[in-house]
Amino acid sequence: MRRHPNVGLGILGGLFFAVCYSIIALVLYVGSGGSAVEEHGVSLGVLILAYFIGGVAGGALVGLLWPLTVSRIGFIGVSIIGALPMCLGMSFLVENPFATGDFTSLVGGAILAVILGAWAGVVFWSPADRAPSTTENPDVSDST
C-alpha cells in the first residue's frame, strides 16, 4: 500500500507545533513553579507527550486532507480537523469527562480547535500556494 505523499509533511508540521507548545508549557511550568501544570493533576512529561501524540495525529490528518486546501474554506476545515486531536487531548488531560461525567472541557477543546483552525485559515491561506500541481504522477508510465 502506497503512503499518501502529504502525510509525512503533515506529521513534520505537527511535530513542529508540538515542539512550540512544549516550549510554551515548559516556560509556564518554570514561571509558575510547576503549579500551572500540576494543579490539573498532570505532570509536565505527560503534557508534553500529549502534545507530541496530538501533533502527529493532527499532522497526519492534515496531510491526508491537504488536497482540500485549494479553497480558503477547505483550508479552514482542514486546519480545524488538524487542531482537534491536540485541543481535545489537552482538554481531556485537564478534566477526564468520563470520570466526572462533565463534558464541558471537551466542548471547550472543540471550540478552541474551531477558533485556532479558522484563524489559521484566514492568516495562512494563499491562493498562490494552492495552485494545482502540474507534475505528473510518477507511478503512471507514458505509453505513447
C-alpha atoms as a PDB file:
ATOM      1  CA  MET A   1       0.000   0.000   0.000  1.00  0.00           C
ATOM      2  CA  ARG A   2       1.392   3.367  -1.020  1.00  0.00           C
ATOM      3  CA  ARG A   3       1.610   6.151   1.553  1.00  0.00           C
ATOM      4  CA  HIS A   4      -0.061   9.451   0.722  1.00  0.00           C
ATOM      5  CA  PRO A   5       2.762  11.915  -0.113  1.00  0.00           C
ATOM      6  CA  ASN A   6       1.489  14.733   2.119  1.00  0.00           C
ATOM      7  CA  VAL A   7       1.214  12.641   5.296  1.00  0.00           C
ATOM      8  CA  GLY A   8       4.933  12.865   6.064  1.00  0.00           C
ATOM      9  CA  LEU A   9       4.911  16.632   5.621  1.00  0.00           C
ATOM     10  CA  GLY A  10       1.787  16.888   7.772  1.00  0.00           C
ATOM     11  CA  ILE A  11       3.436  14.890  10.548  1.00  0.00           C
ATOM     12  CA  LEU A  12       6.521  17.125  10.372  1.00  0.00           C
ATOM     13  CA  GLY A  13       4.257  20.156  10.713  1.00  0.00           C
ATOM     14  CA  GLY A  14       2.501  18.542  13.666  1.00  0.00           C
ATOM     15  CA  LEU A  15       5.857  17.856  15.313  1.00  0.00           C
ATOM     16  CA  PHE A  16       6.805  21.500  14.814  1.00  0.00           C
ATOM     17  CA  PHE A  17       3.647  22.610  16.648  1.00  0.00           C
ATOM     18  CA  ALA A  18       4.291  20.024  19.375  1.00  0.00           C
ATOM     19  CA  VAL A  19       7.758  21.470  19.957  1.00  0.00           C
ATOM     20  CA  CYS A  20       6.366  25.029  20.074  1.00  0.00           C
ATOM     21  CA  TYR A  21       3.610  24.070  22.532  1.00  0.00           C
ATOM     22  CA  SER A  22       6.107  22.116  24.635  1.00  0.00           C
ATOM     23  CA  ILE A  23       8.389  25.146  24.895  1.00  0.00           C
ATOM     24  CA  ILE A  24       5.429  27.304  25.974  1.00  0.00           C
ATOM     25  CA  ALA A  25       4.403  24.670  28.550  1.00  0.00           C
ATOM     26  CA  LEU A  26       7.963  24.491  29.871  1.00  0.00           C
ATOM     27  CA  VAL A  27       8.169  28.277  30.208  1.00  0.00           C
ATOM     28  CA  LEU A  28       4.795  28.376  32.010  1.00  0.00           C
ATOM     29  CA  TYR A  29       5.821  25.464  34.208  1.00  0.00           C
ATOM     30  CA  VAL A  30       9.082  27.091  35.248  1.00  0.00           C
ATOM     31  CA  GLY A  31       7.462  30.518  35.630  1.00  0.00           C
ATOM     32  CA  SER A  32       4.737  29.200  37.905  1.00  0.00           C
ATOM     33  CA  GLY A  33       6.969  26.883  39.898  1.00  0.00           C
ATOM     34  CA  GLY A  34       5.096  23.917  38.453  1.00  0.00           C
ATOM     35  CA  SER A  35       1.656  24.939  39.649  1.00  0.00           C
ATOM     36  CA  ALA A  36       0.340  25.882  36.171  1.00  0.00           C
ATOM     37  CA  VAL A  37       0.508  22.229  35.143  1.00  0.00           C
ATOM     38  CA  GLU A  38       0.336  20.252  38.358  1.00  0.00           C
ATOM     39  CA  GLU A  39      -2.849  21.910  39.641  1.00  0.00           C
ATOM     40  CA  HIS A  40      -4.652  19.902  36.959  1.00  0.00           C
ATOM     41  CA  GLY A  41      -3.148  16.640  38.180  1.00  0.00           C
ATOM     42  CA  VAL A  42      -0.930  16.261  35.114  1.00  0.00           C
ATOM     43  CA  SER A  43       2.840  16.029  35.051  1.00  0.00           C
ATOM     44  CA  LEU A  44       4.867  18.112  32.632  1.00  0.00           C
ATOM     45  CA  GLY A  45       6.111  14.923  30.939  1.00  0.00           C
ATOM     46  CA  VAL A  46       2.587  13.650  30.274  1.00  0.00           C
ATOM     47  CA  LEU A  47       1.564  17.060  28.949  1.00  0.00           C
ATOM     48  CA  ILE A  48       4.497  17.177  26.527  1.00  0.00           C
ATOM     49  CA  LEU A  49       3.854  13.576  25.452  1.00  0.00           C
ATOM     50  CA  ALA A  50       0.230  14.521  24.739  1.00  0.00           C
ATOM     51  CA  TYR A  51       1.405  17.455  22.615  1.00  0.00           C
ATOM     52  CA  PHE A  52       3.534  15.100  20.518  1.00  0.00           C
ATOM     53  CA  ILE A  53       0.782  12.490  20.144  1.00  0.00           C
ATOM     54  CA  GLY A  54      -1.702  15.208  19.196  1.00  0.00           C
ATOM     55  CA  GLY A  55       0.811  16.789  16.820  1.00  0.00           C
ATOM     56  CA  VAL A  56       1.464  13.528  14.989  1.00  0.00           C
ATOM     57  CA  ALA A  57      -2.247  12.651  14.797  1.00  0.00           C
ATOM     58  CA  GLY A  58      -3.294  16.129  13.704  1.00  0.00           C
ATOM     59  CA  GLY A  59      -0.427  16.376  11.234  1.00  0.00           C
ATOM     60  CA  ALA A  60      -1.328  13.040   9.658  1.00  0.00           C
ATOM     61  CA  LEU A  61      -4.947  14.181   9.262  1.00  0.00           C
ATOM     62  CA  VAL A  62      -3.831  17.450   7.691  1.00  0.00           C
ATOM     63  CA  GLY A  63      -1.558  15.559   5.298  1.00  0.00           C
ATOM     64  CA  LEU A  64      -4.338  13.220   4.229  1.00  0.00           C
ATOM     65  CA  LEU A  65      -6.794  16.070   3.707  1.00  0.00           C
ATOM     66  CA  TRP A  66      -4.326  18.509   2.110  1.00  0.00           C
ATOM     67  CA  PRO A  67      -5.914  18.279  -1.383  1.00  0.00           C
ATOM     68  CA  LEU A  68      -8.995  20.001   0.099  1.00  0.00           C
ATOM     69  CA  THR A  69      -6.957  23.142   0.844  1.00  0.00           C
ATOM     70  CA  VAL A  70      -7.276  24.580  -2.669  1.00  0.00           C
ATOM     71  CA  SER A  71     -10.000  26.897  -1.333  1.00  0.00           C
ATOM     72  CA  ARG A  72      -9.920  29.068   1.766  1.00  0.00           C
ATOM     73  CA  ILE A  73     -12.931  27.249   3.269  1.00  0.00           C
ATOM     74  CA  GLY A  74     -11.211  23.927   2.635  1.00  0.00           C
ATOM     75  CA  PHE A  75      -8.053  25.221   4.306  1.00  0.00           C
ATOM     76  CA  ILE A  76     -10.069  26.372   7.313  1.00  0.00           C
ATOM     77  CA  GLY A  77     -11.808  22.981   7.559  1.00  0.00           C
ATOM     78  CA  VAL A  78      -8.542  21.050   7.326  1.00  0.00           C
ATOM     79  CA  SER A  79      -6.961  23.361   9.910  1.00  0.00           C
ATOM     80  CA  ILE A  80      -9.848  22.753  12.321  1.00  0.00           C
ATOM     81  CA  ILE A  81      -9.591  18.986  11.862  1.00  0.00           C
ATOM     82  CA  GLY A  82      -5.820  19.182  12.358  1.00  0.00           C
ATOM     83  CA  ALA A  83      -6.231  21.116  15.609  1.00  0.00           C
ATOM     84  CA  LEU A  84      -8.850  18.760  17.078  1.00  0.00           C
ATOM     85  CA  PRO A  85      -6.555  15.952  18.338  1.00  0.00           C
ATOM     86  CA  MET A  86      -4.297  18.331  20.254  1.00  0.00           C
ATOM     87  CA  CYS A  87      -7.084  20.564  21.616  1.00  0.00           C
ATOM     88  CA  LEU A  88      -9.295  17.651  22.650  1.00  0.00           C
ATOM     89  CA  GLY A  89      -6.315  15.811  24.131  1.00  0.00           C
ATOM     90  CA  MET A  90      -5.377  18.800  26.262  1.00  0.00           C
ATOM     91  CA  SER A  91      -8.996  19.198  27.358  1.00  0.00           C
ATOM     92  CA  PHE A  92      -9.086  15.530  28.311  1.00  0.00           C
ATOM     93  CA  LEU A  93      -5.951  15.961  30.429  1.00  0.00           C
ATOM     94  CA  VAL A  94      -7.408  18.970  32.248  1.00  0.00           C
ATOM     95  CA  GLU A  95     -10.517  17.051  33.268  1.00  0.00           C
ATOM     96  CA  ASN A  96     -11.377  13.464  32.362  1.00  0.00           C
ATOM     97  CA  PRO A  97     -15.002  13.748  31.250  1.00  0.00           C
ATOM     98  CA  PHE A  98     -15.602  10.011  31.526  1.00  0.00           C
ATOM     99  CA  ALA A  99     -14.574  10.046  35.179  1.00  0.00           C
ATOM    100  CA  THR A 100     -16.524  13.180  36.104  1.00  0.00           C
ATOM    101  CA  GLY A 101     -19.475  12.977  33.715  1.00  0.00           C
ATOM    102  CA  ASP A 102     -18.833  16.622  32.809  1.00  0.00           C
ATOM    103  CA  PHE A 103     -18.000  17.100  29.130  1.00  0.00           C
ATOM    104  CA  THR A 104     -17.529  20.873  29.381  1.00  0.00           C
ATOM    105  CA  SER A 105     -13.764  20.655  28.918  1.00  0.00           C
ATOM    106  CA  LEU A 106     -14.143  18.647  25.693  1.00  0.00           C
ATOM    107  CA  VAL A 107     -16.630  21.162  24.333  1.00  0.00           C
ATOM    108  CA  GLY A 108     -14.142  23.896  25.216  1.00  0.00           C
ATOM    109  CA  GLY A 109     -11.396  21.987  23.394  1.00  0.00           C
ATOM    110  CA  ALA A 110     -13.562  21.632  20.292  1.00  0.00           C
ATOM    111  CA  ILE A 111     -14.380  25.349  20.370  1.00  0.00           C
ATOM    112  CA  LEU A 112     -10.671  26.145  20.711  1.00  0.00           C
ATOM    113  CA  ALA A 113      -9.905  23.938  17.684  1.00  0.00           C
ATOM    114  CA  VAL A 114     -12.532  25.803  15.642  1.00  0.00           C
ATOM    115  CA  ILE A 115     -11.096  29.178  16.693  1.00  0.00           C
ATOM    116  CA  LEU A 116      -7.487  28.163  16.001  1.00  0.00           C
ATOM    117  CA  GLY A 117      -8.408  26.478  12.701  1.00  0.00           C
ATOM    118  CA  ALA A 118     -10.402  29.454  11.483  1.00  0.00           C
ATOM    119  CA  TRP A 119      -7.587  31.796  12.473  1.00  0.00           C
ATOM    120  CA  ALA A 120      -5.034  29.644  10.622  1.00  0.00           C
ATOM    121  CA  GLY A 121      -7.281  29.528   7.564  1.00  0.00           C
ATOM    122  CA  VAL A 122      -7.612  33.279   7.420  1.00  0.00           C
ATOM    123  CA  VAL A 123      -3.962  34.064   8.176  1.00  0.00           C
ATOM    124  CA  PHE A 124      -2.065  31.340   6.315  1.00  0.00           C
ATOM    125  CA  TRP A 125      -4.186  30.559   3.237  1.00  0.00           C
ATOM    126  CA  SER A 126      -2.809  31.950  -0.008  1.00  0.00           C
ATOM    127  CA  PRO A 127      -4.257  31.282  -3.484  1.00  0.00           C
ATOM    128  CA  ALA A 128      -0.740  31.314  -4.966  1.00  0.00           C
ATOM    129  CA  ASP A 129       0.320  28.452  -2.692  1.00  0.00           C
ATOM    130  CA  ARG A 130      -2.734  26.355  -3.585  1.00  0.00           C
ATOM    131  CA  ALA A 131      -2.381  26.157  -7.348  1.00  0.00           C
ATOM    132  CA  PRO A 132      -2.987  22.625  -8.641  1.00  0.00           C
ATOM    133  CA  SER A 133       0.184  20.648  -9.161  1.00  0.00           C
ATOM    134  CA  THR A 134       1.313  20.303 -12.762  1.00  0.00           C
ATOM    135  CA  THR A 135       3.685  17.436 -12.047  1.00  0.00           C
ATOM    136  CA  GLU A 136       2.748  14.089 -13.478  1.00  0.00           C
ATOM    137  CA  ASN A 137       2.115  11.047 -11.342  1.00  0.00           C
ATOM    138  CA  PRO A 138       5.451   9.185 -11.246  1.00  0.00           C
ATOM    139  CA  ASP A 139       3.646   5.857 -10.903  1.00  0.00           C
ATOM    140  CA  VAL A 140       1.979   6.215 -14.301  1.00  0.00           C
ATOM    141  CA  SER A 141       4.146   5.400 -17.277  1.00  0.00           C
ATOM    142  CA  ASP A 142       3.768   7.242 -20.564  1.00  0.00           C
ATOM    143  CA  SER A 143       2.578   4.688 -23.111  1.00  0.00           C
ATOM    144  CA  THR A 144       2.703   6.975 -26.155  1.00  0.00           C
END
